């Protein structure tokens, strides 16, 4: 179980065209899948990731044209961090200046070089420099030289009232382990190559967060298959008294959902069947893909969804 890390992170955005342009043209990520929100099919669900669409690299968005802005606070994801080669941080700082991307000064956390920034909706993001990082699956088709390209997730930072309760879920259910402390920040890591870091910050007495544009909606953790997922569900119930939803088929993975003790929505998503189940790897993200139960509404939905080009 130690190798399990983050499968994907799903956030809320404003206009879909602006969201697509930022993540593909500014950050150089690959549009891995263009589909709809299965629970609200009048809006897109856009998936961005590496060249192969691997778990641990996928940041997804529900873009609503006129969404109200969210508010950071307790019970929310404070930051989502990507991995880049250590030598790429200077390149990205220059690129953010050139592109007018709001960003902070380069800083150090747990000995790592970190460059924070925000997307057009105010989503809090960061690039973490990884020494000697080399990932052939990093997407080089987005205009970013391969030696500087984003490789996938480093991890996330959660803001909760009680870090210990959240940490118990991370360690017992998802196989993370505590590896460091820095003030109110506790670091948990797994052996996953991508998405293997979760920082938990205790913030007693802070205002609760509010979902909206720029907010992370949920964080999905990896399960190799249905059996691994079922074992995690069992641990949640028996060791923590937490029940999940029934399993839901999301076409590219199968999911269950629950609120961890700090109030953040967690998902357990299977690695299988993957994003190439309905498109060749070379053609990922090219066409609007719908689940079978929505195919009869394709013409209606295509007319309702905003143009992306």
C-alpha atoms as a PDB file:
ATOM      1  CA  UNK A   1       0.000   0.000   0.000  1.00  0.00           C
ATOM      2  CA  UNK A   2       2.960   2.349   0.464  1.00  0.00           C
ATOM      3  CA  UNK A   3       3.137   3.274  -3.221  1.00  0.00           C
ATOM      4  CA  UNK A   4      -0.324   4.855  -3.295  1.00  0.00           C
ATOM      5  CA  UNK A   5      -0.383   8.597  -3.771  1.00  0.00           C
ATOM      6  CA  UNK A   6      -2.658  11.181  -5.332  1.00  0.00           C
ATOM      7  CA  UNK A   7      -4.602  10.039  -8.395  1.00  0.00           C
ATOM      8  CA  UNK A   8      -5.994  13.443  -9.399  1.00  0.00           C
ATOM      9  CA  UNK A   9      -7.063  16.812  -8.013  1.00  0.00           C
ATOM     10  CA  UNK A  10     -10.322  18.422  -9.144  1.00  0.00           C
ATOM     11  CA  UNK A  11     -10.888  22.165  -8.895  1.00  0.00           C
ATOM     12  CA  UNK A  12     -13.508  24.753  -9.880  1.00  0.00           C
ATOM     13  CA  UNK A  13     -12.824  27.316 -12.608  1.00  0.00           C
ATOM     14  CA  UNK A  14     -14.460  30.171 -14.440  1.00  0.00           C
ATOM     15  CA  UNK A  15     -14.700  30.368 -18.256  1.00  0.00           C
ATOM     16  CA  UNK A  16     -13.675  27.084 -19.875  1.00  0.00           C
ATOM     17  CA  UNK A  17     -11.748  28.701 -22.745  1.00  0.00           C
ATOM     18  CA  UNK A  18      -9.611  30.726 -20.329  1.00  0.00           C
ATOM     19  CA  UNK A  19      -8.990  27.644 -18.189  1.00  0.00           C
ATOM     20  CA  UNK A  20      -7.935  25.586 -21.212  1.00  0.00           C
ATOM     21  CA  UNK A  21      -5.630  28.318 -22.510  1.00  0.00           C
ATOM     22  CA  UNK A  22      -3.831  28.762 -19.188  1.00  0.00           C
ATOM     23  CA  UNK A  23      -3.143  25.104 -18.492  1.00  0.00           C
ATOM     24  CA  UNK A  24      -2.167  24.132 -22.032  1.00  0.00           C
ATOM     25  CA  UNK A  25      -0.524  27.317 -23.359  1.00  0.00           C
ATOM     26  CA  UNK A  26       1.011  28.828 -20.210  1.00  0.00           C
ATOM     27  CA  UNK A  27       1.781  25.714 -18.146  1.00  0.00           C
ATOM     28  CA  UNK A  28       2.179  23.446 -21.171  1.00  0.00           C
ATOM     29  CA  UNK A  29       0.119  20.552 -19.785  1.00  0.00           C
ATOM     30  CA  UNK A  30      -1.647  18.114 -22.077  1.00  0.00           C
ATOM     31  CA  UNK A  31      -5.426  18.157 -22.400  1.00  0.00           C
ATOM     32  CA  UNK A  32      -5.853  14.479 -21.568  1.00  0.00           C
ATOM     33  CA  UNK A  33      -9.645  14.279 -21.627  1.00  0.00           C
ATOM     34  CA  UNK A  34     -12.488  16.539 -22.705  1.00  0.00           C
ATOM     35  CA  UNK A  35     -15.746  15.320 -21.232  1.00  0.00           C
ATOM     36  CA  UNK A  36     -18.594  16.662 -19.086  1.00  0.00           C
ATOM     37  CA  UNK A  37     -19.392  16.720 -15.402  1.00  0.00           C
ATOM     38  CA  UNK A  38     -21.331  13.444 -15.136  1.00  0.00           C
ATOM     39  CA  UNK A  39     -23.500  14.933 -12.360  1.00  0.00           C
ATOM     40  CA  UNK A  40     -24.043  18.280 -14.150  1.00  0.00           C
ATOM     41  CA  UNK A  41     -23.541  17.535 -17.867  1.00  0.00           C
ATOM     42  CA  UNK A  42     -24.217  21.100 -18.958  1.00  0.00           C
ATOM     43  CA  UNK A  43     -20.626  21.939 -17.997  1.00  0.00           C
ATOM     44  CA  UNK A  44     -17.295  20.516 -19.090  1.00  0.00           C
ATOM     45  CA  UNK A  45     -14.967  18.344 -17.093  1.00  0.00           C
ATOM     46  CA  UNK A  46     -11.465  19.028 -18.414  1.00  0.00           C
ATOM     47  CA  UNK A  47      -8.487  16.854 -17.480  1.00  0.00           C
ATOM     48  CA  UNK A  48      -4.884  18.081 -17.788  1.00  0.00           C
ATOM     49  CA  UNK A  49      -1.794  15.943 -17.240  1.00  0.00           C
ATOM     50  CA  UNK A  50       1.352  14.411 -18.656  1.00  0.00           C
ATOM     51  CA  UNK A  51       1.869  12.912 -22.104  1.00  0.00           C
ATOM     52  CA  UNK A  52       0.451   9.520 -21.084  1.00  0.00           C
ATOM     53  CA  UNK A  53      -2.364  10.703 -18.847  1.00  0.00           C
ATOM     54  CA  UNK A  54      -0.939   8.857 -15.838  1.00  0.00           C
ATOM     55  CA  UNK A  55      -2.424   8.899 -12.334  1.00  0.00           C
ATOM     56  CA  UNK A  56      -0.450  11.324 -10.203  1.00  0.00           C
ATOM     57  CA  UNK A  57      -0.306  13.950 -12.962  1.00  0.00           C
ATOM     58  CA  UNK A  58      -3.975  14.810 -13.525  1.00  0.00           C
ATOM     59  CA  UNK A  59      -5.471  18.181 -12.543  1.00  0.00           C
ATOM     60  CA  UNK A  60      -9.121  18.422 -13.556  1.00  0.00           C
ATOM     61  CA  UNK A  61     -11.624  21.281 -13.638  1.00  0.00           C
ATOM     62  CA  UNK A  62     -15.329  21.926 -13.566  1.00  0.00           C
ATOM     63  CA  UNK A  63     -15.496  25.272 -15.416  1.00  0.00           C
ATOM     64  CA  UNK A  64     -18.605  27.393 -14.879  1.00  0.00           C
ATOM     65  CA  UNK A  65     -18.783  30.618 -16.878  1.00  0.00           C
ATOM     66  CA  UNK A  66     -20.104  32.866 -14.096  1.00  0.00           C
ATOM     67  CA  UNK A  67     -18.920  31.058 -10.975  1.00  0.00           C
ATOM     68  CA  UNK A  68     -18.543  33.136  -7.812  1.00  0.00           C
ATOM     69  CA  UNK A  69     -15.040  33.150  -6.334  1.00  0.00           C
ATOM     70  CA  UNK A  70     -14.273  30.743  -3.541  1.00  0.00           C
ATOM     71  CA  UNK A  71     -12.642  31.582  -0.232  1.00  0.00           C
ATOM     72  CA  UNK A  72      -9.644  29.850   1.272  1.00  0.00           C
ATOM     73  CA  UNK A  73     -10.075  28.642   4.825  1.00  0.00           C
ATOM     74  CA  UNK A  74     -10.310  25.697   7.157  1.00  0.00           C
ATOM     75  CA  UNK A  75     -11.568  22.522   5.524  1.00  0.00           C
ATOM     76  CA  UNK A  76     -10.059  23.279   2.126  1.00  0.00           C
ATOM     77  CA  UNK A  77      -7.027  22.463   0.017  1.00  0.00           C
ATOM     78  CA  UNK A  78      -4.645  25.381   0.457  1.00  0.00           C
ATOM     79  CA  UNK A  79      -2.298  24.610  -2.439  1.00  0.00           C
ATOM     80  CA  UNK A  80      -1.633  22.134  -5.240  1.00  0.00           C
ATOM     81  CA  UNK A  81       2.028  21.633  -6.151  1.00  0.00           C
ATOM     82  CA  UNK A  82       3.617  20.305  -9.347  1.00  0.00           C
ATOM     83  CA  UNK A  83       7.070  18.758  -9.797  1.00  0.00           C
ATOM     84  CA  UNK A  84       9.639  20.279 -12.167  1.00  0.00           C
ATOM     85  CA  UNK A  85      13.407  19.709 -12.458  1.00  0.00           C
ATOM     86  CA  UNK A  86      15.321  21.821  -9.927  1.00  0.00           C
ATOM     87  CA  UNK A  87      17.095  23.664 -12.751  1.00  0.00           C
ATOM     88  CA  UNK A  88      13.725  24.700 -14.241  1.00  0.00           C
ATOM     89  CA  UNK A  89      12.639  27.062 -11.438  1.00  0.00           C
ATOM     90  CA  UNK A  90      14.455  30.045 -12.975  1.00  0.00           C
ATOM     91  CA  UNK A  91      12.870  29.327 -16.352  1.00  0.00           C
ATOM     92  CA  UNK A  92       9.393  29.329 -14.807  1.00  0.00           C
ATOM     93  CA  UNK A  93       9.968  32.508 -12.789  1.00  0.00           C
ATOM     94  CA  UNK A  94      10.937  34.265 -16.028  1.00  0.00           C
ATOM     95  CA  UNK A  95       7.979  32.755 -17.894  1.00  0.00           C
ATOM     96  CA  UNK A  96       5.510  33.897 -15.236  1.00  0.00           C
ATOM     97  CA  UNK A  97       6.877  37.450 -15.494  1.00  0.00           C
ATOM     98  CA  UNK A  98       6.621  37.307 -19.273  1.00  0.00           C
ATOM     99  CA  UNK A  99       3.056  35.948 -19.224  1.00  0.00           C
ATOM    100  CA  UNK A 100       1.797  38.168 -16.410  1.00  0.00           C
ATOM    101  CA  UNK A 101       1.122  35.246 -14.057  1.00  0.00           C
ATOM    102  CA  UNK A 102       0.714  36.238 -10.399  1.00  0.00           C
ATOM    103  CA  UNK A 103       3.487  34.538  -8.444  1.00  0.00           C
ATOM    104  CA  UNK A 104       5.488  34.753  -5.241  1.00  0.00           C
ATOM    105  CA  UNK A 105       9.196  34.823  -4.529  1.00  0.00           C
ATOM    106  CA  UNK A 106      11.182  31.599  -4.633  1.00  0.00           C
ATOM    107  CA  UNK A 107      11.210  30.031  -1.155  1.00  0.00           C
ATOM    108  CA  UNK A 108      12.396  26.924   0.659  1.00  0.00           C
ATOM    109  CA  UNK A 109      10.136  24.317   2.282  1.00  0.00           C
ATOM    110  CA  UNK A 110      11.494  21.177   3.855  1.00  0.00           C
ATOM    111  CA  UNK A 111      14.718  21.859   1.936  1.00  0.00           C
ATOM    112  CA  UNK A 112      12.942  22.054  -1.439  1.00  0.00           C
ATOM    113  CA  UNK A 113      12.874  25.046  -3.803  1.00  0.00           C
ATOM    114  CA  UNK A 114       9.287  26.272  -4.260  1.00  0.00           C
ATOM    115  CA  UNK A 115       7.757  28.874  -6.586  1.00  0.00           C
ATOM    116  CA  UNK A 116       4.139  29.717  -5.773  1.00  0.00           C
ATOM    117  CA  UNK A 117       1.694  31.153  -8.315  1.00  0.00           C
ATOM    118  CA  UNK A 118      -2.017  31.491  -9.121  1.00  0.00           C
ATOM    119  CA  UNK A 119      -4.103  30.709 -12.156  1.00  0.00           C
ATOM    120  CA  UNK A 120      -6.634  33.234 -13.560  1.00  0.00           C
ATOM    121  CA  UNK A 121      -9.302  32.036 -11.094  1.00  0.00           C
ATOM    122  CA  UNK A 122      -7.010  32.430  -8.100  1.00  0.00           C
ATOM    123  CA  UNK A 123      -6.279  28.720  -7.627  1.00  0.00           C
ATOM    124  CA  UNK A 124      -3.226  28.455  -5.364  1.00  0.00           C
ATOM    125  CA  UNK A 125      -0.490  26.466  -7.100  1.00  0.00           C
ATOM    126  CA  UNK A 126       3.242  25.861  -6.751  1.00  0.00           C
ATOM    127  CA  UNK A 127       6.187  24.421  -8.635  1.00  0.00           C
ATOM    128  CA  UNK A 128       8.607  22.329  -6.587  1.00  0.00           C
ATOM    129  CA  UNK A 129      12.153  21.836  -7.861  1.00  0.00           C
ATOM    130  CA  UNK A 130      13.246  18.196  -7.807  1.00  0.00           C
ATOM    131  CA  UNK A 131      17.009  17.495  -8.100  1.00  0.00           C
ATOM    132  CA  UNK A 132      18.049  15.135 -10.887  1.00  0.00           C
ATOM    133  CA  UNK A 133      14.451  14.779 -12.046  1.00  0.00           C
ATOM    134  CA  UNK A 134      14.022  13.135 -15.426  1.00  0.00           C
ATOM    135  CA  UNK A 135      10.627  12.024 -16.682  1.00  0.00           C
ATOM    136  CA  UNK A 136      10.222  10.962 -20.297  1.00  0.00           C
ATOM    137  CA  UNK A 137       6.430  11.115 -20.039  1.00  0.00           C
ATOM    138  CA  UNK A 138       6.376  14.865 -19.315  1.00  0.00           C
ATOM    139  CA  UNK A 139       4.371  16.522 -22.090  1.00  0.00           C
ATOM    140  CA  UNK A 140       6.613  18.339 -24.562  1.00  0.00           C
ATOM    141  CA  UNK A 141       3.796  19.195 -26.975  1.00  0.00           C
ATOM    142  CA  UNK A 142       2.704  22.293 -25.086  1.00  0.00           C
ATOM    143  CA  UNK A 143       5.541  24.591 -26.065  1.00  0.00           C
ATOM    144  CA  UNK A 144       7.656  24.041 -22.933  1.00  0.00           C
ATOM    145  CA  UNK A 145      11.123  22.547 -23.550  1.00  0.00           C
ATOM    146  CA  UNK A 146      11.255  18.996 -22.215  1.00  0.00           C
ATOM    147  CA  UNK A 147      13.986  19.831 -19.715  1.00  0.00           C
ATOM    148  CA  UNK A 148      11.692  22.398 -18.025  1.00  0.00           C
ATOM    149  CA  UNK A 149       8.292  20.722 -18.420  1.00  0.00           C
ATOM    150  CA  UNK A 150       5.946  19.974 -15.533  1.00  0.00           C
ATOM    151  CA  UNK A 151       6.160  16.273 -14.738  1.00  0.00           C
ATOM    152  CA  UNK A 152       3.169  15.711 -12.495  1.00  0.00           C
ATOM    153  CA  UNK A 153       2.135  16.390  -8.924  1.00  0.00           C
ATOM    154  CA  UNK A 154       4.452  16.830  -6.000  1.00  0.00           C
ATOM    155  CA  UNK A 155       1.455  17.020  -3.684  1.00  0.00           C
ATOM    156  CA  UNK A 156      -1.094  19.166  -1.893  1.00  0.00           C
ATOM    157  CA  UNK A 157      -1.367  21.252   1.270  1.00  0.00           C
ATOM    158  CA  UNK A 158      -4.515  20.827   3.364  1.00  0.00           C
ATOM    159  CA  UNK A 159      -5.814  23.379   5.874  1.00  0.00           C
ATOM    160  CA  UNK A 160      -7.732  21.759   8.751  1.00  0.00           C
ATOM    161  CA  UNK A 161      -8.639  22.302  12.403  1.00  0.00           C
ATOM    162  CA  UNK A 162      -6.947  19.136  13.645  1.00  0.00           C
ATOM    163  CA  UNK A 163      -4.033  17.772  11.622  1.00  0.00           C
ATOM    164  CA  UNK A 164      -3.802  14.577  13.680  1.00  0.00           C
ATOM    165  CA  UNK A 165      -7.219  13.279  12.614  1.00  0.00           C
ATOM    166  CA  UNK A 166      -6.512  13.912   8.940  1.00  0.00           C
ATOM    167  CA  UNK A 167      -3.053  12.401   9.347  1.00  0.00           C
ATOM    168  CA  UNK A 168      -4.573   9.219  10.738  1.00  0.00           C
ATOM    169  CA  UNK A 169      -6.507   8.712   7.490  1.00  0.00           C
ATOM    170  CA  UNK A 170      -3.435   9.412   5.371  1.00  0.00           C
ATOM    171  CA  UNK A 171      -1.282   6.920   7.260  1.00  0.00           C
ATOM    172  CA  UNK A 172      -3.692   4.112   8.064  1.00  0.00           C
ATOM    173  CA  UNK A 173      -5.820   4.124   4.906  1.00  0.00           C
ATOM    174  CA  UNK A 174      -3.569   5.513   2.179  1.00  0.00           C
ATOM    175  CA  UNK A 175      -0.184   4.293   3.379  1.00  0.00           C
ATOM    176  CA  UNK A 176       1.513   7.664   3.863  1.00  0.00           C
ATOM    177  CA  UNK A 177       3.932   8.240   6.727  1.00  0.00           C
ATOM    178  CA  UNK A 178       4.898  11.365   8.650  1.00  0.00           C
ATOM    179  CA  UNK A 179       8.325  12.556   7.487  1.00  0.00           C
ATOM    180  CA  UNK A 180       8.711  16.107   8.767  1.00  0.00           C
ATOM    181  CA  UNK A 181       7.358  19.089  10.706  1.00  0.00           C
ATOM    182  CA  UNK A 182       7.774  22.807  10.165  1.00  0.00           C
ATOM    183  CA  UNK A 183       5.787  24.911  12.596  1.00  0.00           C
ATOM    184  CA  UNK A 184       2.098  24.103  12.091  1.00  0.00           C
ATOM    185  CA  UNK A 185       2.881  22.148   8.908  1.00  0.00           C
ATOM    186  CA  UNK A 186       3.167  18.336   9.028  1.00  0.00           C
ATOM    187  CA  UNK A 187       4.485  16.487   5.989  1.00  0.00           C
ATOM    188  CA  UNK A 188       3.256  13.036   4.998  1.00  0.00           C
ATOM    189  CA  UNK A 189       4.829  11.112   2.133  1.00  0.00           C
ATOM    190  CA  UNK A 190       4.302   7.867   0.265  1.00  0.00           C
ATOM    191  CA  UNK A 191       6.554   6.022  -2.152  1.00  0.00           C
ATOM    192  CA  UNK A 192       4.530   7.137  -5.184  1.00  0.00           C
ATOM    193  CA  UNK A 193       6.693   8.627  -7.930  1.00  0.00           C
ATOM    194  CA  UNK A 194       4.124  11.386  -8.477  1.00  0.00           C
ATOM    195  CA  UNK A 195       1.701  12.895  -5.979  1.00  0.00           C
ATOM    196  CA  UNK A 196       3.426  11.345  -2.997  1.00  0.00           C
ATOM    197  CA  UNK A 197       3.372  14.350  -0.649  1.00  0.00           C
ATOM    198  CA  UNK A 198       0.550  15.711   1.512  1.00  0.00           C
ATOM    199  CA  UNK A 199       1.257  18.612   3.851  1.00  0.00           C
ATOM    200  CA  UNK A 200      -1.329  19.184   6.566  1.00  0.00           C
ATOM    201  CA  UNK A 201      -1.555  22.546   8.306  1.00  0.00           C
ATOM    202  CA  UNK A 202      -3.463  22.995  11.577  1.00  0.00           C
ATOM    203  CA  UNK A 203      -5.347  26.285  11.676  1.00  0.00           C
ATOM    204  CA  UNK A 204      -7.563  26.313  14.735  1.00  0.00           C
ATOM    205  CA  UNK A 205     -10.034  29.171  14.839  1.00  0.00           C
ATOM    206  CA  UNK A 206      -9.670  30.219  11.204  1.00  0.00           C
ATOM    207  CA  UNK A 207     -12.715  30.950   9.069  1.00  0.00           C
ATOM    208  CA  UNK A 208     -14.051  27.970   7.128  1.00  0.00           C
ATOM    209  CA  UNK A 209     -13.431  27.965   3.412  1.00  0.00           C
ATOM    210  CA  UNK A 210     -16.126  28.438   0.782  1.00  0.00           C
ATOM    211  CA  UNK A 211     -16.302  26.555  -2.510  1.00  0.00           C
ATOM    212  CA  UNK A 212     -16.185  28.623  -5.700  1.00  0.00           C
ATOM    213  CA  UNK A 213     -13.862  29.647  -8.487  1.00  0.00           C
ATOM    214  CA  UNK A 214     -10.263  28.875  -7.549  1.00  0.00           C
ATOM    215  CA  UNK A 215     -11.248  26.219  -4.981  1.00  0.00           C
ATOM    216  CA  UNK A 216     -10.206  22.594  -5.013  1.00  0.00           C
ATOM    217  CA  UNK A 217     -13.400  20.522  -5.043  1.00  0.00           C
ATOM    218  CA  UNK A 218     -11.822  17.212  -4.027  1.00  0.00           C
ATOM    219  CA  UNK A 219      -8.620  15.182  -3.916  1.00  0.00           C
ATOM    220  CA  UNK A 220      -8.539  11.639  -5.281  1.00  0.00           C
ATOM    221  CA  UNK A 221      -6.132   9.028  -3.941  1.00  0.00           C
ATOM    222  CA  UNK A 222      -5.006   6.008  -5.933  1.00  0.00           C
ATOM    223  CA  UNK A 223      -6.196   2.431  -5.626  1.00  0.00           C
ATOM    224  CA  UNK A 224      -4.626  -0.063  -7.986  1.00  0.00           C
ATOM    225  CA  UNK A 225      -7.924  -1.841  -8.613  1.00  0.00           C
ATOM    226  CA  UNK A 226     -11.345  -2.577  -7.126  1.00  0.00           C
ATOM    227  CA  UNK A 227      -9.924  -4.942  -4.523  1.00  0.00           C
ATOM    228  CA  UNK A 228      -7.451  -2.345  -3.245  1.00  0.00           C
ATOM    229  CA  UNK A 229     -10.228   0.220  -3.138  1.00  0.00           C
ATOM    230  CA  UNK A 230     -12.483  -2.152  -1.191  1.00  0.00           C
ATOM    231  CA  UNK A 231      -9.714  -2.711   1.363  1.00  0.00           C
ATOM    232  CA  UNK A 232      -9.413   1.056   1.899  1.00  0.00           C
ATOM    233  CA  UNK A 233     -13.193   1.344   2.294  1.00  0.00           C
ATOM    234  CA  UNK A 234     -13.059  -1.415   4.905  1.00  0.00           C
ATOM    235  CA  UNK A 235     -10.261   0.326   6.836  1.00  0.00           C
ATOM    236  CA  UNK A 236     -12.206   3.592   6.840  1.00  0.00           C
ATOM    237  CA  UNK A 237     -15.280   1.899   8.292  1.00  0.00           C
ATOM    238  CA  UNK A 238     -13.597  -0.397  10.798  1.00  0.00           C
ATOM    239  CA  UNK A 239     -10.788   1.863  12.032  1.00  0.00           C
ATOM    240  CA  UNK A 240     -12.302   5.344  11.676  1.00  0.00           C
ATOM    241  CA  UNK A 241     -16.077   4.950  11.588  1.00  0.00           C
ATOM    242  CA  UNK A 242     -16.284   6.602   8.167  1.00  0.00           C
ATOM    243  CA  UNK A 243     -18.576   5.343   5.435  1.00  0.00           C
ATOM    244  CA  UNK A 244     -17.987   6.092   1.764  1.00  0.00           C
ATOM    245  CA  UNK A 245     -20.486   6.488  -1.046  1.00  0.00           C
ATOM    246  CA  UNK A 246     -21.276   3.536  -3.261  1.00  0.00           C
ATOM    247  CA  UNK A 247     -18.797   2.964  -6.090  1.00  0.00           C
ATOM    248  CA  UNK A 248     -19.399   5.234  -9.087  1.00  0.00           C
ATOM    249  CA  UNK A 249     -18.184   4.500 -12.595  1.00  0.00           C
ATOM    250  CA  UNK A 250     -16.367   7.547 -13.999  1.00  0.00           C
ATOM    251  CA  UNK A 251     -15.415   5.747 -17.264  1.00  0.00           C
ATOM    252  CA  UNK A 252     -11.662   6.231 -16.707  1.00  0.00           C
ATOM    253  CA  UNK A 253     -11.637   5.105 -13.080  1.00  0.00           C
ATOM    254  CA  UNK A 254     -14.109   3.854 -10.483  1.00  0.00           C
ATOM    255  CA  UNK A 255     -14.607   5.994  -7.409  1.00  0.00           C
ATOM    256  CA  UNK A 256     -15.917   6.218  -3.895  1.00  0.00           C
ATOM    257  CA  UNK A 257     -16.117   9.469  -1.910  1.00  0.00           C
ATOM    258  CA  UNK A 258     -16.061  10.544   1.741  1.00  0.00           C
ATOM    259  CA  UNK A 259     -15.381  13.556   3.957  1.00  0.00           C
ATOM    260  CA  UNK A 260     -12.188  13.193   5.959  1.00  0.00           C
ATOM    261  CA  UNK A 261     -12.321  14.455   9.562  1.00  0.00           C
ATOM    262  CA  UNK A 262     -11.186  17.959   8.558  1.00  0.00           C
ATOM    263  CA  UNK A 263     -14.120  18.347   6.179  1.00  0.00           C
ATOM    264  CA  UNK A 264     -12.247  17.970   2.869  1.00  0.00           C
ATOM    265  CA  UNK A 265     -13.844  15.757   0.235  1.00  0.00           C
ATOM    266  CA  UNK A 266     -11.624  12.774  -0.537  1.00  0.00           C
ATOM    267  CA  UNK A 267     -12.067  10.277  -3.353  1.00  0.00           C
ATOM    268  CA  UNK A 268     -10.526   6.844  -3.831  1.00  0.00           C
ATOM    269  CA  UNK A 269     -10.078   6.271  -7.572  1.00  0.00           C
ATOM    270  CA  UNK A 270      -8.875   3.113  -9.282  1.00  0.00           C
ATOM    271  CA  UNK A 271      -5.938   3.286 -11.678  1.00  0.00           C
ATOM    272  CA  UNK A 272      -7.948   1.175 -14.106  1.00  0.00           C
ATOM    273  CA  UNK A 273      -9.146   1.329 -16.825  1.00  0.00           C
ATOM    274  CA  UNK A 274      -7.278   4.602 -17.548  1.00  0.00           C
ATOM    275  CA  UNK A 275      -7.706   7.450 -19.999  1.00  0.00           C
ATOM    276  CA  UNK A 276      -6.871   5.459 -23.131  1.00  0.00           C
ATOM    277  CA  UNK A 277      -9.988   3.296 -22.751  1.00  0.00           C
ATOM    278  CA  UNK A 278     -11.892   5.362 -25.357  1.00  0.00           C
ATOM    279  CA  UNK A 279      -9.084   7.185 -27.220  1.00  0.00           C
ATOM    280  CA  UNK A 280      -5.638   6.215 -28.457  1.00  0.00           C
ATOM    281  CA  UNK A 281      -2.791   7.748 -26.452  1.00  0.00           C
ATOM    282  CA  UNK A 282      -1.847   9.918 -29.443  1.00  0.00           C
ATOM    283  CA  UNK A 283      -5.404  11.275 -29.672  1.00  0.00           C
ATOM    284  CA  UNK A 284      -6.095  12.012 -25.991  1.00  0.00           C
ATOM    285  CA  UNK A 285      -8.252  15.101 -25.501  1.00  0.00           C
ATOM    286  CA  UNK A 286      -9.131  15.587 -29.154  1.00  0.00           C
ATOM    287  CA  UNK A 287     -12.855  14.797 -29.038  1.00  0.00           C
ATOM    288  CA  UNK A 288     -15.698  15.364 -26.594  1.00  0.00           C
ATOM    289  CA  UNK A 289     -16.184  12.053 -24.821  1.00  0.00           C
ATOM    290  CA  UNK A 290     -19.481  11.205 -23.121  1.00  0.00           C
ATOM    291  CA  UNK A 291     -20.458   8.300 -20.886  1.00  0.00           C
ATOM    292  CA  UNK A 292     -22.880   5.839 -22.445  1.00  0.00           C
ATOM    293  CA  UNK A 293     -25.831   7.160 -20.436  1.00  0.00           C
ATOM    294  CA  UNK A 294     -25.374  10.638 -21.986  1.00  0.00           C
ATOM    295  CA  UNK A 295     -24.705   9.676 -25.615  1.00  0.00           C
ATOM    296  CA  UNK A 296     -28.362  10.130 -26.534  1.00  0.00           C
ATOM    297  CA  UNK A 297     -28.052  13.779 -25.448  1.00  0.00           C
ATOM    298  CA  UNK A 298     -24.860  14.519 -27.402  1.00  0.00           C
ATOM    299  CA  UNK A 299     -26.407  17.063 -29.799  1.00  0.00           C
ATOM    300  CA  UNK A 300     -28.148  18.875 -26.956  1.00  0.00           C
ATOM    301  CA  UNK A 301     -24.999  19.011 -24.820  1.00  0.00           C
ATOM    302  CA  UNK A 302     -22.703  20.061 -27.655  1.00  0.00           C
ATOM    303  CA  UNK A 303     -25.072  22.959 -28.400  1.00  0.00           C
ATOM    304  CA  UNK A 304     -25.097  24.009 -24.722  1.00  0.00           C
ATOM    305  CA  UNK A 305     -21.354  23.727 -23.989  1.00  0.00           C
ATOM    306  CA  UNK A 306     -19.233  26.828 -24.727  1.00  0.00           C
ATOM    307  CA  UNK A 307     -16.772  26.856 -27.617  1.00  0.00           C
ATOM    308  CA  UNK A 308     -13.214  26.060 -26.565  1.00  0.00           C
ATOM    309  CA  UNK A 309     -11.367  27.059 -29.760  1.00  0.00           C
END
